[in-house]
Amino acid sequence: MPTDPGLTRIQQWLSPSYPVGAFAYSHGLETAIETGAILNIDDLRLWLTDLITNGAGYSDPILLVAAYRSEDAEALQDIDQQARAFAPSNERLAETALQGAAFCQTTSAISDHDIPDLTYPVGLGYAARRHGLPLDVTVHMYLHSFVSNLVAAAQRLMPVGQVEGQRNLTDLAPLIAQIAQDALTLDLTDLSGSCFLADIASMQHEIQYSRTFRS
């Protein structure tokens, strides 16, 4: 049976086994659950919906697309600086910077392409272009992986079963597909964010007494 090697590569990059440390970050979910902002599966679905439409789930795909389409090294670095500046808290900056560094180092080590130290969505977008991977599929799978990681984090923090978690992810799949598709028509002037509760939770997490996650 023929297999598209490009799709296999994207799956490898975004699989839990790829050593970027995604399992260590909750994107502020840990604080939201600890403080009672998220009490059940329905609350989680609403929280994730906000992240996808108004938070990093909206902005990261735009940054990924911009990096994929960047014309030179200077433009790429400018996009990366915007990604760093757009992080709403110190831990969220670390989340994108450290995962990005790990992704770029690993990808450089196992391929013929040298990927510089970049934030996660920027590094992934640039690497996808260097490897000739389809942009639309890369964006879609990146956003799906982002949401999937947060569902997995929630399962470690609250009584959410595996079936409930997967049902939640299934319910969000059409929105993920739509936001990923929309990102293909947007540019850096469209960057915005209004996910204030998630941003505040990520700030409060920095001083939370007991923490399982790094963000």
N, C-alpha and C. Protein backbone atom coordinates (compact mmCIF):
# COMPACT_ATOMS: atom_id res chain seq x y z
N MET A 1 0.84 -1.18 0.00
CA MET A 1 0.00 0.00 0.00
C MET A 1 0.88 1.24 0.00
N PRO A 2 0.71 2.17 -0.96
CA PRO A 2 1.54 3.37 -1.00
C PRO A 2 1.27 4.29 0.18
N THR A 3 2.31 4.91 0.69
CA THR A 3 2.20 5.82 1.82
C THR A 3 2.91 7.12 1.50
N ASP A 4 2.28 8.24 1.79
CA ASP A 4 2.89 9.54 1.56
C ASP A 4 3.96 9.76 2.62
N PRO A 5 5.24 9.83 2.25
CA PRO A 5 6.30 10.01 3.26
C PRO A 5 6.20 11.35 3.97
N GLY A 6 5.60 12.36 3.31
CA GLY A 6 5.43 13.66 3.94
C GLY A 6 4.49 13.59 5.13
N LEU A 7 3.38 12.87 4.96
CA LEU A 7 2.42 12.72 6.05
C LEU A 7 3.04 11.93 7.20
N THR A 8 3.82 10.94 6.86
CA THR A 8 4.49 10.16 7.89
C THR A 8 5.45 11.03 8.70
N ARG A 9 6.14 11.93 8.02
CA ARG A 9 7.07 12.82 8.72
C ARG A 9 6.33 13.76 9.67
N ILE A 10 5.22 14.33 9.21
CA ILE A 10 4.44 15.22 10.07
C ILE A 10 3.92 14.47 11.29
N GLN A 11 3.44 13.25 11.06
CA GLN A 11 2.95 12.43 12.17
C GLN A 11 4.07 12.16 13.17
N GLN A 12 5.25 11.91 12.67
CA GLN A 12 6.40 11.68 13.56
C GLN A 12 6.70 12.93 14.38
N TRP A 13 6.76 14.08 13.72
CA TRP A 13 7.07 15.33 14.42
C TRP A 13 6.08 15.64 15.54
N LEU A 14 4.81 15.33 15.29
CA LEU A 14 3.76 15.73 16.24
C LEU A 14 3.28 14.59 17.13
N SER A 15 3.96 13.47 17.07
CA SER A 15 3.59 12.34 17.93
C SER A 15 4.11 12.58 19.35
N PRO A 16 3.47 11.96 20.35
CA PRO A 16 3.94 12.12 21.74
C PRO A 16 5.38 11.65 21.95
N SER A 17 5.89 10.79 21.06
CA SER A 17 7.24 10.27 21.23
C SER A 17 8.32 11.25 20.75
N TYR A 18 7.93 12.27 20.00
CA TYR A 18 8.93 13.23 19.53
C TYR A 18 9.35 14.09 20.72
N PRO A 19 10.65 14.18 21.01
CA PRO A 19 11.10 14.75 22.29
C PRO A 19 11.08 16.27 22.38
N VAL A 20 9.85 16.83 22.40
CA VAL A 20 9.73 18.27 22.61
C VAL A 20 9.26 18.59 24.03
N GLY A 21 8.83 17.56 24.77
CA GLY A 21 8.40 17.77 26.15
C GLY A 21 7.01 18.32 26.30
N ALA A 22 6.14 18.11 25.30
CA ALA A 22 4.79 18.66 25.35
C ALA A 22 4.01 18.20 26.57
N PHE A 23 4.30 16.98 27.04
CA PHE A 23 3.58 16.42 28.20
C PHE A 23 3.79 17.24 29.47
N ALA A 24 4.82 18.07 29.50
CA ALA A 24 5.16 18.81 30.72
C ALA A 24 4.45 20.15 30.83
N TYR A 25 3.65 20.51 29.82
CA TYR A 25 3.02 21.83 29.80
C TYR A 25 1.50 21.70 29.77
N SER A 26 0.83 22.51 30.62
CA SER A 26 -0.64 22.47 30.65
C SER A 26 -1.26 23.76 30.12
N HIS A 27 -0.43 24.74 29.75
CA HIS A 27 -0.94 25.98 29.15
C HIS A 27 -1.87 26.73 30.11
N GLY A 28 -1.62 26.58 31.41
CA GLY A 28 -2.45 27.23 32.41
C GLY A 28 -3.62 26.40 32.90
N LEU A 29 -3.85 25.23 32.29
CA LEU A 29 -4.97 24.38 32.70
C LEU A 29 -4.86 23.96 34.16
N GLU A 30 -3.65 23.71 34.62
CA GLU A 30 -3.46 23.25 35.99
C GLU A 30 -4.02 24.25 36.99
N THR A 31 -3.77 25.52 36.77
CA THR A 31 -4.30 26.55 37.66
C THR A 31 -5.80 26.69 37.50
N ALA A 32 -6.29 26.63 36.27
CA ALA A 32 -7.73 26.76 36.03
C ALA A 32 -8.50 25.65 36.74
N ILE A 33 -7.96 24.45 36.74
CA ILE A 33 -8.61 23.33 37.43
C ILE A 33 -8.45 23.46 38.93
N GLU A 34 -7.28 23.87 39.38
CA GLU A 34 -7.02 24.03 40.81
C GLU A 34 -7.93 25.08 41.44
N THR A 35 -8.20 26.16 40.72
CA THR A 35 -9.00 27.27 41.26
C THR A 35 -10.50 27.09 41.02
N GLY A 36 -10.89 26.04 40.33
CA GLY A 36 -12.31 25.78 40.10
C GLY A 36 -12.88 26.44 38.87
N ALA A 37 -12.05 27.04 38.04
CA ALA A 37 -12.55 27.63 36.80
C ALA A 37 -13.00 26.54 35.83
N ILE A 38 -12.39 25.36 35.94
CA ILE A 38 -12.80 24.19 35.16
C ILE A 38 -13.16 23.09 36.14
N LEU A 39 -14.43 22.69 36.13
CA LEU A 39 -14.91 21.69 37.09
C LEU A 39 -15.28 20.36 36.46
N ASN A 40 -15.60 20.37 35.17
CA ASN A 40 -16.08 19.15 34.53
C ASN A 40 -15.74 19.17 33.04
N ILE A 41 -16.17 18.14 32.34
CA ILE A 41 -15.83 17.99 30.93
C ILE A 41 -16.42 19.09 30.08
N ASP A 42 -17.61 19.59 30.46
CA ASP A 42 -18.23 20.68 29.70
C ASP A 42 -17.44 21.97 29.85
N ASP A 43 -16.98 22.23 31.08
CA ASP A 43 -16.13 23.41 31.30
C ASP A 43 -14.84 23.30 30.48
N LEU A 44 -14.29 22.11 30.44
CA LEU A 44 -13.05 21.90 29.68
C LEU A 44 -13.28 22.18 28.20
N ARG A 45 -14.40 21.71 27.67
CA ARG A 45 -14.69 21.93 26.25
C ARG A 45 -14.81 23.42 25.95
N LEU A 46 -15.47 24.16 26.82
CA LEU A 46 -15.61 25.61 26.61
C LEU A 46 -14.26 26.30 26.71
N TRP A 47 -13.43 25.88 27.66
CA TRP A 47 -12.10 26.47 27.84
C TRP A 47 -11.24 26.24 26.59
N LEU A 48 -11.27 25.02 26.09
CA LEU A 48 -10.49 24.70 24.90
C LEU A 48 -11.04 25.42 23.67
N THR A 49 -12.35 25.57 23.60
CA THR A 49 -12.94 26.32 22.49
C THR A 49 -12.43 27.75 22.47
N ASP A 50 -12.36 28.37 23.65
CA ASP A 50 -11.84 29.74 23.73
C ASP A 50 -10.37 29.79 23.31
N LEU A 51 -9.59 28.81 23.74
CA LEU A 51 -8.18 28.79 23.35
C LEU A 51 -8.01 28.65 21.84
N ILE A 52 -8.87 27.84 21.23
CA ILE A 52 -8.77 27.62 19.79
C ILE A 52 -9.18 28.86 19.01
N THR A 53 -10.21 29.55 19.46
CA THR A 53 -10.75 30.67 18.70
C THR A 53 -10.14 32.01 19.07
N ASN A 54 -9.64 32.15 20.30
CA ASN A 54 -9.16 33.45 20.76
C ASN A 54 -7.78 33.43 21.40
N GLY A 55 -7.18 32.25 21.55
CA GLY A 55 -5.89 32.14 22.21
C GLY A 55 -4.80 31.62 21.30
N ALA A 56 -3.92 30.82 21.86
CA ALA A 56 -2.80 30.28 21.08
C ALA A 56 -3.27 29.39 19.94
N GLY A 57 -4.44 28.79 20.10
CA GLY A 57 -4.98 27.97 19.02
C GLY A 57 -5.30 28.78 17.77
N TYR A 58 -5.50 30.07 17.95
CA TYR A 58 -5.73 30.98 16.82
C TYR A 58 -4.42 31.59 16.33
N SER A 59 -3.58 32.04 17.26
CA SER A 59 -2.36 32.77 16.87
C SER A 59 -1.24 31.86 16.39
N ASP A 60 -1.07 30.70 17.00
CA ASP A 60 0.03 29.81 16.59
C ASP A 60 -0.06 29.39 15.12
N PRO A 61 -1.25 29.01 14.62
CA PRO A 61 -1.32 28.67 13.20
C PRO A 61 -0.94 29.83 12.27
N ILE A 62 -1.26 31.05 12.66
CA ILE A 62 -0.87 32.21 11.86
C ILE A 62 0.65 32.33 11.82
N LEU A 63 1.28 32.14 12.96
CA LEU A 63 2.75 32.20 13.03
C LEU A 63 3.38 31.07 12.22
N LEU A 64 2.79 29.90 12.29
CA LEU A 64 3.30 28.76 11.53
C LEU A 64 3.23 29.04 10.03
N VAL A 65 2.10 29.55 9.58
CA VAL A 65 1.93 29.87 8.16
C VAL A 65 2.92 30.94 7.72
N ALA A 66 3.09 31.97 8.55
CA ALA A 66 4.03 33.04 8.21
C ALA A 66 5.46 32.51 8.09
N ALA A 67 5.84 31.61 9.00
CA ALA A 67 7.19 31.04 8.95
C ALA A 67 7.37 30.18 7.70
N TYR A 68 6.36 29.42 7.36
CA TYR A 68 6.41 28.57 6.17
C TYR A 68 6.62 29.43 4.92
N ARG A 69 6.00 30.60 4.90
CA ARG A 69 6.05 31.47 3.72
C ARG A 69 7.15 32.53 3.79
N SER A 70 7.95 32.52 4.85
CA SER A 70 8.99 33.54 5.01
C SER A 70 9.98 33.46 3.86
N GLU A 71 10.46 34.62 3.43
CA GLU A 71 11.30 34.70 2.22
C GLU A 71 12.79 34.59 2.50
N ASP A 72 13.21 34.94 3.71
CA ASP A 72 14.64 34.87 4.02
C ASP A 72 14.83 34.75 5.52
N ALA A 73 16.10 34.62 5.94
CA ALA A 73 16.42 34.42 7.35
C ALA A 73 16.00 35.60 8.21
N GLU A 74 16.13 36.81 7.67
CA GLU A 74 15.75 38.00 8.44
C GLU A 74 14.25 38.01 8.71
N ALA A 75 13.47 37.68 7.70
CA ALA A 75 12.02 37.63 7.87
C ALA A 75 11.63 36.55 8.88
N LEU A 76 12.32 35.42 8.82
CA LEU A 76 12.04 34.32 9.75
C LEU A 76 12.32 34.74 11.18
N GLN A 77 13.43 35.42 11.42
CA GLN A 77 13.77 35.87 12.76
C GLN A 77 12.78 36.91 13.26
N ASP A 78 12.28 37.75 12.36
CA ASP A 78 11.29 38.74 12.75
C ASP A 78 10.00 38.06 13.19
N ILE A 79 9.60 37.03 12.48
CA ILE A 79 8.40 36.28 12.86
C ILE A 79 8.60 35.62 14.22
N ASP A 80 9.78 35.08 14.45
CA ASP A 80 10.07 34.43 15.72
C ASP A 80 10.05 35.43 16.87
N GLN A 81 10.57 36.62 16.65
CA GLN A 81 10.53 37.65 17.68
C GLN A 81 9.10 38.06 18.00
N GLN A 82 8.26 38.12 16.98
CA GLN A 82 6.85 38.43 17.23
C GLN A 82 6.19 37.32 18.03
N ALA A 83 6.54 36.09 17.74
CA ALA A 83 5.99 34.96 18.49
C ALA A 83 6.37 35.05 19.96
N ARG A 84 7.61 35.41 20.24
CA ARG A 84 8.07 35.53 21.62
C ARG A 84 7.39 36.71 22.31
N ALA A 85 7.25 37.81 21.61
CA ALA A 85 6.62 39.00 22.19
C ALA A 85 5.14 38.77 22.46
N PHE A 86 4.52 37.87 21.70
CA PHE A 86 3.09 37.64 21.82
C PHE A 86 2.74 36.74 22.99
N ALA A 87 3.73 36.07 23.57
CA ALA A 87 3.47 35.20 24.72
C ALA A 87 3.00 36.04 25.91
N PRO A 88 1.87 35.71 26.54
CA PRO A 88 1.29 36.56 27.58
C PRO A 88 1.91 36.41 28.96
N SER A 89 2.79 35.44 29.16
CA SER A 89 3.39 35.25 30.48
C SER A 89 4.76 34.60 30.31
N ASN A 90 5.52 34.61 31.39
CA ASN A 90 6.86 34.02 31.34
C ASN A 90 6.80 32.52 31.06
N GLU A 91 5.86 31.83 31.70
CA GLU A 91 5.77 30.38 31.49
C GLU A 91 5.28 30.03 30.09
N ARG A 92 4.39 30.84 29.54
CA ARG A 92 3.92 30.59 28.18
C ARG A 92 5.04 30.85 27.18
N LEU A 93 5.90 31.83 27.48
CA LEU A 93 7.07 32.06 26.63
C LEU A 93 8.00 30.85 26.69
N ALA A 94 8.23 30.36 27.91
CA ALA A 94 9.08 29.18 28.06
C ALA A 94 8.48 27.97 27.34
N GLU A 95 7.17 27.85 27.39
CA GLU A 95 6.48 26.73 26.75
C GLU A 95 6.76 26.68 25.25
N THR A 96 6.61 27.81 24.59
CA THR A 96 6.83 27.83 23.14
C THR A 96 8.31 27.84 22.78
N ALA A 97 9.13 28.51 23.61
CA ALA A 97 10.56 28.60 23.31
C ALA A 97 11.28 27.27 23.54
N LEU A 98 10.99 26.61 24.66
CA LEU A 98 11.69 25.36 24.98
C LEU A 98 11.24 24.20 24.10
N GLN A 99 9.93 24.14 23.84
CA GLN A 99 9.47 23.11 22.91
C GLN A 99 10.03 23.35 21.52
N GLY A 100 10.08 24.62 21.13
CA GLY A 100 10.63 24.95 19.83
C GLY A 100 12.09 24.58 19.71
N ALA A 101 12.86 24.90 20.75
CA ALA A 101 14.29 24.57 20.74
C ALA A 101 14.49 23.06 20.63
N ALA A 102 13.71 22.30 21.40
CA ALA A 102 13.83 20.84 21.36
C ALA A 102 13.44 20.30 19.99
N PHE A 103 12.38 20.86 19.42
CA PHE A 103 11.95 20.41 18.09
C PHE A 103 13.02 20.70 17.05
N CYS A 104 13.55 21.90 17.06
CA CYS A 104 14.54 22.29 16.05
C CYS A 104 15.82 21.48 16.18
N GLN A 105 16.26 21.24 17.41
CA GLN A 105 17.48 20.46 17.62
C GLN A 105 17.31 19.01 17.16
N THR A 106 16.18 18.42 17.51
CA THR A 106 15.93 17.03 17.12
C THR A 106 15.78 16.89 15.61
N THR A 107 15.02 17.81 15.03
CA THR A 107 14.77 17.75 13.59
C THR A 107 16.06 17.96 12.80
N SER A 108 16.91 18.86 13.27
CA SER A 108 18.20 19.07 12.61
C SER A 108 19.07 17.83 12.70
N ALA A 109 19.00 17.15 13.84
CA ALA A 109 19.86 15.99 14.08
C ALA A 109 19.48 14.78 13.23
N ILE A 110 18.21 14.68 12.84
CA ILE A 110 17.77 13.48 12.12
C ILE A 110 17.50 13.74 10.64
N SER A 111 17.82 14.94 10.17
CA SER A 111 17.57 15.26 8.76
C SER A 111 18.77 15.98 8.16
N ASP A 112 18.68 16.29 6.89
CA ASP A 112 19.75 17.00 6.20
C ASP A 112 19.58 18.51 6.27
N HIS A 113 18.57 18.98 6.98
CA HIS A 113 18.29 20.41 7.04
C HIS A 113 18.63 20.96 8.42
N ASP A 114 19.31 22.08 8.45
CA ASP A 114 19.65 22.75 9.70
C ASP A 114 18.53 23.71 10.07
N ILE A 115 17.85 23.45 11.17
CA ILE A 115 16.74 24.28 11.62
C ILE A 115 17.22 25.12 12.79
N PRO A 116 17.25 26.45 12.68
CA PRO A 116 17.74 27.28 13.78
C PRO A 116 16.81 27.23 14.99
N ASP A 117 17.28 27.74 16.10
CA ASP A 117 16.52 27.76 17.35
C ASP A 117 15.35 28.73 17.21
N LEU A 118 14.14 28.20 17.17
CA LEU A 118 12.94 29.01 16.96
C LEU A 118 11.84 28.57 17.91
N THR A 119 10.85 29.42 18.11
CA THR A 119 9.67 29.03 18.88
C THR A 119 8.95 27.89 18.16
N TYR A 120 8.11 27.19 18.89
CA TYR A 120 7.55 25.94 18.37
C TYR A 120 6.79 26.09 17.04
N PRO A 121 5.77 26.96 16.96
CA PRO A 121 5.05 27.04 15.68
C PRO A 121 5.91 27.58 14.55
N VAL A 122 6.82 28.49 14.87
CA VAL A 122 7.70 29.06 13.84
C VAL A 122 8.69 28.00 13.35
N GLY A 123 9.26 27.26 14.28
CA GLY A 123 10.19 26.20 13.90
C GLY A 123 9.52 25.12 13.07
N LEU A 124 8.30 24.75 13.46
CA LEU A 124 7.59 23.72 12.72
C LEU A 124 7.24 24.20 11.32
N GLY A 125 6.78 25.44 11.21
CA GLY A 125 6.45 25.98 9.89
C GLY A 125 7.66 26.03 8.97
N TYR A 126 8.78 26.49 9.51
CA TYR A 126 10.00 26.57 8.71
C TYR A 126 10.49 25.18 8.31
N ALA A 127 10.48 24.26 9.25
CA ALA A 127 10.94 22.89 8.96
C ALA A 127 10.04 22.23 7.92
N ALA A 128 8.74 22.47 8.01
CA ALA A 128 7.81 21.88 7.04
C ALA A 128 8.12 22.37 5.63
N ARG A 129 8.42 23.65 5.50
CA ARG A 129 8.77 24.18 4.18
C ARG A 129 10.07 23.59 3.67
N ARG A 130 11.08 23.52 4.54
CA ARG A 130 12.38 22.97 4.13
C ARG A 130 12.26 21.51 3.67
N HIS A 131 11.32 20.79 4.25
CA HIS A 131 11.14 19.39 3.90
C HIS A 131 10.08 19.20 2.81
N GLY A 132 9.52 20.29 2.31
CA GLY A 132 8.54 20.19 1.23
C GLY A 132 7.22 19.58 1.64
N LEU A 133 6.82 19.79 2.89
CA LEU A 133 5.57 19.21 3.39
C LEU A 133 4.40 20.14 3.11
N PRO A 134 3.20 19.60 2.93
CA PRO A 134 2.04 20.44 2.62
C PRO A 134 1.67 21.35 3.79
N LEU A 135 1.49 22.62 3.50
CA LEU A 135 1.20 23.59 4.56
C LEU A 135 -0.14 23.32 5.22
N ASP A 136 -1.17 23.05 4.43
CA ASP A 136 -2.50 22.88 5.01
C ASP A 136 -2.55 21.71 5.99
N VAL A 137 -1.92 20.62 5.63
CA VAL A 137 -1.90 19.45 6.52
C VAL A 137 -1.07 19.73 7.77
N THR A 138 0.05 20.42 7.60
CA THR A 138 0.91 20.74 8.74
C THR A 138 0.18 21.59 9.76
N VAL A 139 -0.51 22.63 9.30
CA VAL A 139 -1.25 23.52 10.21
C VAL A 139 -2.33 22.74 10.94
N HIS A 140 -3.10 21.96 10.19
CA HIS A 140 -4.20 21.21 10.78
C HIS A 140 -3.70 20.24 11.85
N MET A 141 -2.65 19.49 11.53
CA MET A 141 -2.15 18.50 12.46
C MET A 141 -1.47 19.15 13.67
N TYR A 142 -0.84 20.31 13.46
CA TYR A 142 -0.25 21.03 14.60
C TYR A 142 -1.33 21.45 15.58
N LEU A 143 -2.41 22.04 15.08
CA LEU A 143 -3.47 22.51 15.97
C LEU A 143 -4.16 21.34 16.66
N HIS A 144 -4.37 20.26 15.93
CA HIS A 144 -4.98 19.07 16.55
C HIS A 144 -4.08 18.53 17.66
N SER A 145 -2.78 18.52 17.43
CA SER A 145 -1.84 18.04 18.44
C SER A 145 -1.85 18.94 19.67
N PHE A 146 -1.93 20.26 19.45
CA PHE A 146 -1.99 21.22 20.55
C PHE A 146 -3.19 20.93 21.46
N VAL A 147 -4.36 20.75 20.86
CA VAL A 147 -5.57 20.48 21.64
C VAL A 147 -5.50 19.11 22.29
N SER A 148 -5.00 18.13 21.57
CA SER A 148 -4.88 16.78 22.11
C SER A 148 -3.99 16.75 23.34
N ASN A 149 -2.89 17.49 23.31
CA ASN A 149 -2.00 17.56 24.47
C ASN A 149 -2.70 18.15 25.69
N LEU A 150 -3.56 19.14 25.46
CA LEU A 150 -4.27 19.75 26.58
C LEU A 150 -5.34 18.82 27.14
N VAL A 151 -5.98 18.06 26.28
CA VAL A 151 -6.94 17.06 26.75
C VAL A 151 -6.21 16.02 27.61
N ALA A 152 -5.05 15.60 27.18
CA ALA A 152 -4.26 14.64 27.95
C ALA A 152 -3.84 15.23 29.29
N ALA A 153 -3.49 16.52 29.31
CA ALA A 153 -3.13 17.18 30.56
C ALA A 153 -4.32 17.21 31.51
N ALA A 154 -5.49 17.52 30.98
CA ALA A 154 -6.70 17.58 31.81
C ALA A 154 -7.01 16.22 32.41
N GLN A 155 -6.75 15.15 31.68
CA GLN A 155 -7.01 13.81 32.19
C GLN A 155 -6.11 13.47 33.38
N ARG A 156 -4.97 14.12 33.45
CA ARG A 156 -4.06 13.90 34.58
C ARG A 156 -4.43 14.78 35.78
N LEU A 157 -5.26 15.79 35.56
CA LEU A 157 -5.54 16.77 36.60
C LEU A 157 -6.94 16.69 37.18
N MET A 158 -7.86 16.03 36.50
CA MET A 158 -9.25 16.00 36.95
C MET A 158 -9.88 14.67 36.52
N PRO A 159 -11.02 14.31 37.10
CA PRO A 159 -11.65 13.04 36.76
C PRO A 159 -12.30 13.06 35.38
N VAL A 160 -11.47 12.96 34.35
CA VAL A 160 -11.93 12.87 32.97
C VAL A 160 -11.43 11.55 32.41
N GLY A 161 -12.34 10.69 32.02
CA GLY A 161 -11.96 9.39 31.49
C GLY A 161 -11.42 9.48 30.08
N GLN A 162 -10.81 8.40 29.62
CA GLN A 162 -10.23 8.39 28.28
C GLN A 162 -11.30 8.56 27.21
N VAL A 163 -12.44 7.91 27.38
CA VAL A 163 -13.51 8.04 26.39
C VAL A 163 -14.05 9.46 26.39
N GLU A 164 -14.24 10.04 27.58
CA GLU A 164 -14.72 11.43 27.65
C GLU A 164 -13.73 12.38 26.98
N GLY A 165 -12.46 12.15 27.23
CA GLY A 165 -11.45 13.00 26.62
C GLY A 165 -11.47 12.92 25.11
N GLN A 166 -11.59 11.70 24.58
CA GLN A 166 -11.63 11.53 23.13
C GLN A 166 -12.92 12.06 22.53
N ARG A 167 -14.02 11.96 23.27
CA ARG A 167 -15.28 12.54 22.79
C ARG A 167 -15.16 14.06 22.71
N ASN A 168 -14.50 14.64 23.70
CA ASN A 168 -14.27 16.08 23.70
C ASN A 168 -13.45 16.48 22.48
N LEU A 169 -12.40 15.73 22.21
CA LEU A 169 -11.54 16.02 21.07
C LEU A 169 -12.31 15.85 19.76
N THR A 170 -13.17 14.85 19.69
CA THR A 170 -13.99 14.63 18.50
C THR A 170 -14.95 15.79 18.28
N ASP A 171 -15.55 16.28 19.37
CA ASP A 171 -16.48 17.40 19.27
C ASP A 171 -15.78 18.67 18.77
N LEU A 172 -14.50 18.83 19.13
CA LEU A 172 -13.76 20.02 18.75
C LEU A 172 -13.13 19.91 17.37
N ALA A 173 -13.16 18.73 16.77
CA ALA A 173 -12.49 18.50 15.49
C ALA A 173 -12.95 19.44 14.38
N PRO A 174 -14.27 19.69 14.21
CA PRO A 174 -14.68 20.62 13.15
C PRO A 174 -14.15 22.03 13.35
N LEU A 175 -14.11 22.49 14.60
CA LEU A 175 -13.57 23.82 14.89
C LEU A 175 -12.08 23.87 14.61
N ILE A 176 -11.37 22.82 15.00
CA ILE A 176 -9.93 22.75 14.72
C ILE A 176 -9.68 22.85 13.22
N ALA A 177 -10.45 22.11 12.44
CA ALA A 177 -10.29 22.12 10.99
C ALA A 177 -10.57 23.50 10.41
N GLN A 178 -11.60 24.17 10.94
CA GLN A 178 -11.96 25.49 10.42
C GLN A 178 -10.90 26.54 10.74
N ILE A 179 -10.41 26.55 11.97
CA ILE A 179 -9.38 27.52 12.36
C ILE A 179 -8.10 27.28 11.58
N ALA A 180 -7.75 26.03 11.38
CA ALA A 180 -6.55 25.70 10.59
C ALA A 180 -6.70 26.17 9.15
N GLN A 181 -7.88 25.98 8.59
CA GLN A 181 -8.13 26.43 7.21
C GLN A 181 -8.10 27.95 7.12
N ASP A 182 -8.70 28.62 8.09
CA ASP A 182 -8.72 30.09 8.09
C ASP A 182 -7.31 30.66 8.15
N ALA A 183 -6.42 30.00 8.89
CA ALA A 183 -5.06 30.51 9.07
C ALA A 183 -4.32 30.63 7.75
N LEU A 184 -4.70 29.83 6.77
CA LEU A 184 -4.04 29.86 5.47
C LEU A 184 -4.29 31.17 4.73
N THR A 185 -5.34 31.89 5.12
CA THR A 185 -5.68 33.15 4.45
C THR A 185 -5.29 34.37 5.27
N LEU A 186 -4.63 34.16 6.43
CA LEU A 186 -4.29 35.25 7.33
C LEU A 186 -2.80 35.52 7.31
N ASP A 187 -2.41 36.68 7.86
CA ASP A 187 -0.98 37.01 8.00
C ASP A 187 -0.75 37.63 9.37
N LEU A 188 0.46 38.12 9.60
CA LEU A 188 0.82 38.61 10.93
C LEU A 188 0.00 39.81 11.37
N THR A 189 -0.58 40.54 10.44
CA THR A 189 -1.44 41.68 10.83
C THR A 189 -2.73 41.20 11.47
N ASP A 190 -3.04 39.92 11.32
CA ASP A 190 -4.26 39.36 11.91
C ASP A 190 -4.03 38.77 13.29
N LEU A 191 -2.80 38.81 13.78
CA LEU A 191 -2.52 38.29 15.12
C LEU A 191 -3.34 39.04 16.17
N SER A 192 -3.99 38.30 17.02
CA SER A 192 -4.77 38.91 18.10
C SER A 192 -5.01 37.84 19.17
N GLY A 193 -5.48 38.29 20.31
CA GLY A 193 -5.79 37.36 21.39
C GLY A 193 -6.72 38.00 22.39
N SER A 194 -7.70 37.25 22.85
CA SER A 194 -8.62 37.76 23.88
C SER A 194 -9.05 36.62 24.79
N CYS A 195 -8.09 35.80 25.16
CA CYS A 195 -8.35 34.65 26.02
C CYS A 195 -7.83 34.98 27.42
N PHE A 196 -8.45 35.97 28.05
CA PHE A 196 -7.87 36.57 29.25
C PHE A 196 -7.80 35.62 30.44
N LEU A 197 -8.82 34.80 30.65
CA LEU A 197 -8.79 33.89 31.79
C LEU A 197 -7.65 32.89 31.67
N ALA A 198 -7.42 32.40 30.46
CA ALA A 198 -6.31 31.47 30.25
C ALA A 198 -4.97 32.17 30.45
N ASP A 199 -4.88 33.42 30.00
CA ASP A 199 -3.64 34.17 30.18
C ASP A 199 -3.36 34.42 31.66
N ILE A 200 -4.41 34.80 32.40
CA ILE A 200 -4.25 35.05 33.83
C ILE A 200 -3.88 33.75 34.56
N ALA A 201 -4.51 32.65 34.16
CA ALA A 201 -4.19 31.35 34.77
C ALA A 201 -2.73 31.00 34.56
N SER A 202 -2.20 31.31 33.38
CA SER A 202 -0.79 31.01 33.12
C SER A 202 0.13 31.88 33.97
N MET A 203 -0.30 33.10 34.27
CA MET A 203 0.48 33.98 35.15
C MET A 203 0.43 33.48 36.59
N GLN A 204 -0.77 33.09 37.05
CA GLN A 204 -0.92 32.60 38.42
C GLN A 204 -0.17 31.29 38.64
N HIS A 205 -0.05 30.51 37.58
CA HIS A 205 0.63 29.22 37.71
C HIS A 205 2.08 29.39 38.14
N GLU A 206 2.68 30.52 37.80
CA GLU A 206 4.08 30.77 38.15
C GLU A 206 4.31 30.76 39.66
N ILE A 207 3.27 31.12 40.42
CA ILE A 207 3.41 31.18 41.88
C ILE A 207 2.53 30.16 42.59
N GLN A 208 1.97 29.22 41.83
CA GLN A 208 1.15 28.17 42.44
C GLN A 208 2.02 27.31 43.35
N TYR A 209 1.51 26.97 44.52
CA TYR A 209 2.32 26.29 45.54
C TYR A 209 2.79 24.92 45.07
N SER A 210 1.86 24.12 44.61
CA SER A 210 2.20 22.75 44.18
C SER A 210 1.85 22.60 42.70
N ARG A 211 2.83 22.18 41.91
CA ARG A 211 2.62 22.12 40.46
C ARG A 211 3.11 20.79 39.89
N THR A 212 2.33 20.25 38.98
CA THR A 212 2.72 19.05 38.24
C THR A 212 3.35 19.44 36.90
N PHE A 213 2.85 20.53 36.32
CA PHE A 213 3.27 20.95 34.99
C PHE A 213 4.17 22.19 35.06
N ARG A 214 4.87 22.44 33.96
CA ARG A 214 5.77 23.59 33.88
C ARG A 214 5.04 24.86 33.44
N SER A 215 3.81 24.73 33.01
CA SER A 215 3.01 25.91 32.65
C SER A 215 1.54 25.63 32.93
